[in-house]
Amino acid sequence: MLWPFGFAVLILALLIPILVFAFDVPRLRKRAEDVERLAPEWERRLEELTKRLTVLEDEVDDLARGVDTLRDETQFLQRLLEDSEPREPPHRLAPPGP
């Protein structure tokens, strides 16, 4: 009755050192050290990308305002062209006589 329980404990007792050995590979340690060493560089890159993104967002906002201004000007000119009636040319004044 206790045989399956004892077998599970034995397997677990043997599995712990095997897992410790497997995860204690020098290659994994080197990888972890590389990640720790490169963390400041990643932070610098992230800050740089954040600044670039902010600049791009500002430029997009400026372009959107420019497009709105051009749209308003175009609508104004369109209304001027549509509402204009044919008018007589302005009269010229006679030069002052002696």
N, C-alpha and C. Protein backbone atom coordinates (compact mmCIF):
# COMPACT_ATOMS: atom_id res chain seq x y z
N MET A 1 0.81 -1.18 0.00
CA MET A 1 0.00 0.00 0.00
C MET A 1 0.87 1.26 0.00
N LEU A 2 1.92 1.27 0.77
CA LEU A 2 2.82 2.41 0.81
C LEU A 2 3.85 2.37 -0.30
N TRP A 3 3.87 1.28 -1.04
CA TRP A 3 4.84 1.11 -2.11
C TRP A 3 4.76 2.23 -3.16
N PRO A 4 3.58 2.62 -3.72
CA PRO A 4 3.55 3.70 -4.72
C PRO A 4 3.98 5.04 -4.13
N PHE A 5 3.61 5.29 -2.90
CA PHE A 5 4.02 6.54 -2.25
C PHE A 5 5.54 6.58 -2.06
N GLY A 6 6.12 5.53 -1.63
CA GLY A 6 7.57 5.44 -1.44
C GLY A 6 8.31 5.58 -2.76
N PHE A 7 7.76 4.98 -3.81
CA PHE A 7 8.37 5.07 -5.13
C PHE A 7 8.34 6.53 -5.61
N ALA A 8 7.24 7.24 -5.41
CA ALA A 8 7.13 8.64 -5.82
C ALA A 8 8.13 9.50 -5.06
N VAL A 9 8.30 9.25 -3.77
CA VAL A 9 9.26 10.01 -2.97
C VAL A 9 10.67 9.73 -3.47
N LEU A 10 10.98 8.49 -3.80
CA LEU A 10 12.30 8.15 -4.31
C LEU A 10 12.58 8.84 -5.64
N ILE A 11 11.62 8.84 -6.53
CA ILE A 11 11.78 9.52 -7.84
C ILE A 11 11.99 11.01 -7.63
N LEU A 12 11.20 11.60 -6.75
CA LEU A 12 11.33 13.03 -6.47
C LEU A 12 12.69 13.33 -5.86
N ALA A 13 13.16 12.49 -4.96
CA ALA A 13 14.46 12.69 -4.33
C ALA A 13 15.59 12.60 -5.35
N LEU A 14 15.45 11.74 -6.34
CA LEU A 14 16.47 11.63 -7.38
C LEU A 14 16.33 12.73 -8.43
N LEU A 15 15.13 13.21 -8.63
CA LEU A 15 14.88 14.22 -9.65
C LEU A 15 15.43 15.59 -9.25
N ILE A 16 15.43 15.91 -7.98
CA ILE A 16 15.91 17.21 -7.52
C ILE A 16 17.37 17.44 -7.90
N PRO A 17 18.30 16.54 -7.59
CA PRO A 17 19.69 16.80 -8.01
C PRO A 17 19.87 16.84 -9.52
N ILE A 18 19.09 16.05 -10.23
CA ILE A 18 19.19 16.07 -11.69
C ILE A 18 18.76 17.42 -12.23
N LEU A 19 17.67 17.97 -11.71
CA LEU A 19 17.20 19.28 -12.16
C LEU A 19 18.18 20.39 -11.78
N VAL A 20 18.76 20.29 -10.60
CA VAL A 20 19.76 21.29 -10.18
C VAL A 20 20.95 21.25 -11.13
N PHE A 21 21.40 20.08 -11.48
CA PHE A 21 22.52 19.97 -12.40
C PHE A 21 22.14 20.50 -13.79
N ALA A 22 20.93 20.19 -14.23
CA ALA A 22 20.50 20.61 -15.56
C ALA A 22 20.39 22.13 -15.66
N PHE A 23 19.90 22.77 -14.60
CA PHE A 23 19.74 24.22 -14.64
C PHE A 23 20.98 24.98 -14.20
N ASP A 24 22.01 24.28 -13.78
CA ASP A 24 23.23 24.91 -13.33
C ASP A 24 24.31 24.78 -14.41
N VAL A 25 23.91 24.84 -15.64
CA VAL A 25 24.84 24.72 -16.75
C VAL A 25 25.58 26.04 -16.91
N PRO A 26 26.88 26.01 -17.12
CA PRO A 26 27.64 27.27 -17.29
C PRO A 26 27.13 28.11 -18.46
N ARG A 27 26.64 27.45 -19.48
CA ARG A 27 26.10 28.19 -20.62
C ARG A 27 24.93 29.06 -20.20
N LEU A 28 24.05 28.51 -19.34
CA LEU A 28 22.91 29.30 -18.85
C LEU A 28 23.38 30.43 -17.95
N ARG A 29 24.42 30.16 -17.15
CA ARG A 29 24.97 31.24 -16.32
C ARG A 29 25.51 32.37 -17.18
N LYS A 30 26.25 31.99 -18.24
CA LYS A 30 26.80 33.01 -19.14
C LYS A 30 25.68 33.81 -19.79
N ARG A 31 24.63 33.15 -20.20
CA ARG A 31 23.49 33.83 -20.81
C ARG A 31 22.87 34.82 -19.82
N ALA A 32 22.70 34.40 -18.58
CA ALA A 32 22.14 35.29 -17.55
C ALA A 32 23.05 36.49 -17.31
N GLU A 33 24.37 36.26 -17.30
CA GLU A 33 25.30 37.37 -17.13
C GLU A 33 25.23 38.34 -18.31
N ASP A 34 25.10 37.81 -19.51
CA ASP A 34 24.98 38.67 -20.69
C ASP A 34 23.72 39.53 -20.61
N VAL A 35 22.63 38.92 -20.18
CA VAL A 35 21.38 39.67 -20.07
C VAL A 35 21.53 40.79 -19.03
N GLU A 36 22.16 40.49 -17.92
CA GLU A 36 22.37 41.51 -16.89
C GLU A 36 23.31 42.61 -17.38
N ARG A 37 24.30 42.23 -18.15
CA ARG A 37 25.26 43.22 -18.67
C ARG A 37 24.61 44.11 -19.72
N LEU A 38 23.73 43.56 -20.53
CA LEU A 38 23.10 44.32 -21.61
C LEU A 38 21.88 45.10 -21.16
N ALA A 39 21.41 44.91 -19.94
CA ALA A 39 20.20 45.60 -19.46
C ALA A 39 20.33 47.12 -19.57
N PRO A 40 21.45 47.74 -19.15
CA PRO A 40 21.53 49.20 -19.30
C PRO A 40 21.46 49.65 -20.76
N GLU A 41 22.04 48.87 -21.66
CA GLU A 41 21.97 49.23 -23.08
C GLU A 41 20.53 49.16 -23.58
N TRP A 42 19.80 48.16 -23.13
CA TRP A 42 18.40 48.04 -23.53
C TRP A 42 17.59 49.21 -22.99
N GLU A 43 17.89 49.61 -21.76
CA GLU A 43 17.19 50.76 -21.20
C GLU A 43 17.49 52.02 -22.00
N ARG A 44 18.76 52.19 -22.41
CA ARG A 44 19.13 53.35 -23.21
C ARG A 44 18.40 53.33 -24.55
N ARG A 45 18.35 52.17 -25.17
CA ARG A 45 17.64 52.06 -26.45
C ARG A 45 16.16 52.34 -26.28
N LEU A 46 15.59 51.87 -25.20
CA LEU A 46 14.17 52.11 -24.95
C LEU A 46 13.91 53.60 -24.75
N GLU A 47 14.78 54.29 -24.02
CA GLU A 47 14.63 55.73 -23.84
C GLU A 47 14.76 56.46 -25.18
N GLU A 48 15.71 56.03 -26.00
CA GLU A 48 15.90 56.64 -27.32
C GLU A 48 14.67 56.45 -28.19
N LEU A 49 14.13 55.25 -28.19
CA LEU A 49 12.93 54.98 -28.98
C LEU A 49 11.73 55.78 -28.46
N THR A 50 11.65 55.95 -27.15
CA THR A 50 10.56 56.74 -26.58
C THR A 50 10.66 58.19 -27.03
N LYS A 51 11.88 58.74 -27.03
CA LYS A 51 12.07 60.12 -27.50
C LYS A 51 11.71 60.25 -28.97
N ARG A 52 12.15 59.29 -29.77
CA ARG A 52 11.84 59.34 -31.21
C ARG A 52 10.33 59.25 -31.45
N LEU A 53 9.67 58.41 -30.67
CA LEU A 53 8.23 58.28 -30.81
C LEU A 53 7.52 59.58 -30.45
N THR A 54 7.99 60.25 -29.41
CA THR A 54 7.41 61.53 -29.01
C THR A 54 7.59 62.56 -30.13
N VAL A 55 8.78 62.60 -30.72
CA VAL A 55 9.03 63.54 -31.83
C VAL A 55 8.11 63.23 -33.00
N LEU A 56 7.96 61.96 -33.33
CA LEU A 56 7.09 61.59 -34.45
C LEU A 56 5.64 61.94 -34.16
N GLU A 57 5.19 61.74 -32.92
CA GLU A 57 3.81 62.12 -32.57
C GLU A 57 3.61 63.62 -32.73
N ASP A 58 4.60 64.42 -32.31
CA ASP A 58 4.51 65.87 -32.47
C ASP A 58 4.44 66.26 -33.95
N GLU A 59 5.25 65.61 -34.77
CA GLU A 59 5.23 65.90 -36.20
C GLU A 59 3.89 65.53 -36.83
N VAL A 60 3.32 64.41 -36.40
CA VAL A 60 2.01 64.01 -36.93
C VAL A 60 0.96 65.04 -36.53
N ASP A 61 1.02 65.54 -35.30
CA ASP A 61 0.08 66.57 -34.87
C ASP A 61 0.23 67.83 -35.70
N ASP A 62 1.48 68.24 -35.96
CA ASP A 62 1.72 69.42 -36.80
C ASP A 62 1.16 69.22 -38.21
N LEU A 63 1.39 68.05 -38.77
CA LEU A 63 0.87 67.76 -40.11
C LEU A 63 -0.65 67.75 -40.13
N ALA A 64 -1.26 67.23 -39.09
CA ALA A 64 -2.73 67.21 -39.02
C ALA A 64 -3.28 68.63 -38.97
N ARG A 65 -2.62 69.51 -38.19
CA ARG A 65 -3.06 70.91 -38.15
C ARG A 65 -2.87 71.57 -39.51
N GLY A 66 -1.77 71.27 -40.19
CA GLY A 66 -1.55 71.83 -41.52
C GLY A 66 -2.61 71.37 -42.51
N VAL A 67 -2.99 70.10 -42.43
CA VAL A 67 -4.03 69.58 -43.33
C VAL A 67 -5.36 70.26 -43.03
N ASP A 68 -5.68 70.47 -41.76
CA ASP A 68 -6.93 71.16 -41.40
C ASP A 68 -6.93 72.58 -41.94
N THR A 69 -5.80 73.26 -41.83
CA THR A 69 -5.70 74.63 -42.34
C THR A 69 -5.89 74.65 -43.85
N LEU A 70 -5.24 73.74 -44.54
CA LEU A 70 -5.40 73.68 -46.01
C LEU A 70 -6.84 73.36 -46.40
N ARG A 71 -7.49 72.48 -45.65
CA ARG A 71 -8.88 72.15 -45.94
C ARG A 71 -9.78 73.38 -45.77
N ASP A 72 -9.55 74.14 -44.69
CA ASP A 72 -10.34 75.36 -44.47
C ASP A 72 -10.12 76.37 -45.58
N GLU A 73 -8.86 76.55 -45.98
CA GLU A 73 -8.56 77.50 -47.05
C GLU A 73 -9.20 77.06 -48.37
N THR A 74 -9.15 75.77 -48.65
CA THR A 74 -9.75 75.26 -49.88
C THR A 74 -11.26 75.47 -49.87
N GLN A 75 -11.90 75.22 -48.74
CA GLN A 75 -13.34 75.43 -48.65
C GLN A 75 -13.68 76.91 -48.84
N PHE A 76 -12.87 77.79 -48.26
CA PHE A 76 -13.10 79.22 -48.41
C PHE A 76 -12.99 79.64 -49.88
N LEU A 77 -11.92 79.19 -50.54
CA LEU A 77 -11.75 79.52 -51.95
C LEU A 77 -12.86 78.92 -52.81
N GLN A 78 -13.30 77.73 -52.49
CA GLN A 78 -14.38 77.09 -53.24
C GLN A 78 -15.66 77.91 -53.12
N ARG A 79 -15.94 78.37 -51.89
CA ARG A 79 -17.14 79.19 -51.70
C ARG A 79 -17.03 80.51 -52.45
N LEU A 80 -15.85 81.10 -52.47
CA LEU A 80 -15.66 82.34 -53.22
C LEU A 80 -15.91 82.12 -54.71
N LEU A 81 -15.43 81.00 -55.22
CA LEU A 81 -15.62 80.73 -56.65
C LEU A 81 -17.07 80.42 -56.97
N GLU A 82 -17.77 79.72 -56.11
CA GLU A 82 -19.15 79.36 -56.37
C GLU A 82 -20.10 80.55 -56.20
N ASP A 83 -19.82 81.41 -55.23
CA ASP A 83 -20.72 82.51 -54.93
C ASP A 83 -20.46 83.76 -55.77
N SER A 84 -19.39 83.75 -56.50
CA SER A 84 -19.07 84.97 -57.25
C SER A 84 -20.03 85.11 -58.42
N GLU A 85 -20.52 86.33 -58.56
CA GLU A 85 -21.39 86.65 -59.70
C GLU A 85 -20.56 87.41 -60.71
N PRO A 86 -20.94 87.29 -61.96
CA PRO A 86 -20.19 88.08 -62.94
C PRO A 86 -20.38 89.57 -62.65
N ARG A 87 -19.33 90.25 -62.53
CA ARG A 87 -19.38 91.67 -62.19
C ARG A 87 -18.80 92.48 -63.34
N GLU A 88 -19.22 93.73 -63.35
CA GLU A 88 -18.67 94.62 -64.36
C GLU A 88 -17.25 95.00 -63.93
N PRO A 89 -16.41 95.20 -64.91
CA PRO A 89 -15.07 95.63 -64.54
C PRO A 89 -15.14 96.98 -63.85
N PRO A 90 -14.26 97.27 -62.98
CA PRO A 90 -14.28 98.56 -62.29
C PRO A 90 -14.07 99.70 -63.27
N HIS A 91 -14.76 100.81 -63.00
CA HIS A 91 -14.63 102.00 -63.86
C HIS A 91 -13.31 102.67 -63.58
N ARG A 92 -12.74 103.11 -64.65
CA ARG A 92 -11.48 103.82 -64.48
C ARG A 92 -11.78 105.31 -64.28
N LEU A 93 -11.03 105.89 -63.45
CA LEU A 93 -11.17 107.31 -63.22
C LEU A 93 -10.45 108.08 -64.32
N ALA A 94 -11.06 109.17 -64.70
CA ALA A 94 -10.43 110.00 -65.72
C ALA A 94 -9.28 110.74 -65.08
N PRO A 95 -8.23 110.90 -65.82
CA PRO A 95 -7.11 111.66 -65.23
C PRO A 95 -7.55 113.10 -64.95
N PRO A 96 -7.02 113.67 -63.93
CA PRO A 96 -7.42 115.04 -63.60
C PRO A 96 -7.05 115.99 -64.73
N GLY A 97 -8.01 116.80 -65.09
CA GLY A 97 -7.80 117.74 -66.20
C GLY A 97 -7.36 119.09 -65.73
N PRO A 98 -6.74 119.79 -66.64
CA PRO A 98 -6.31 121.15 -66.27
C PRO A 98 -7.43 122.13 -66.28
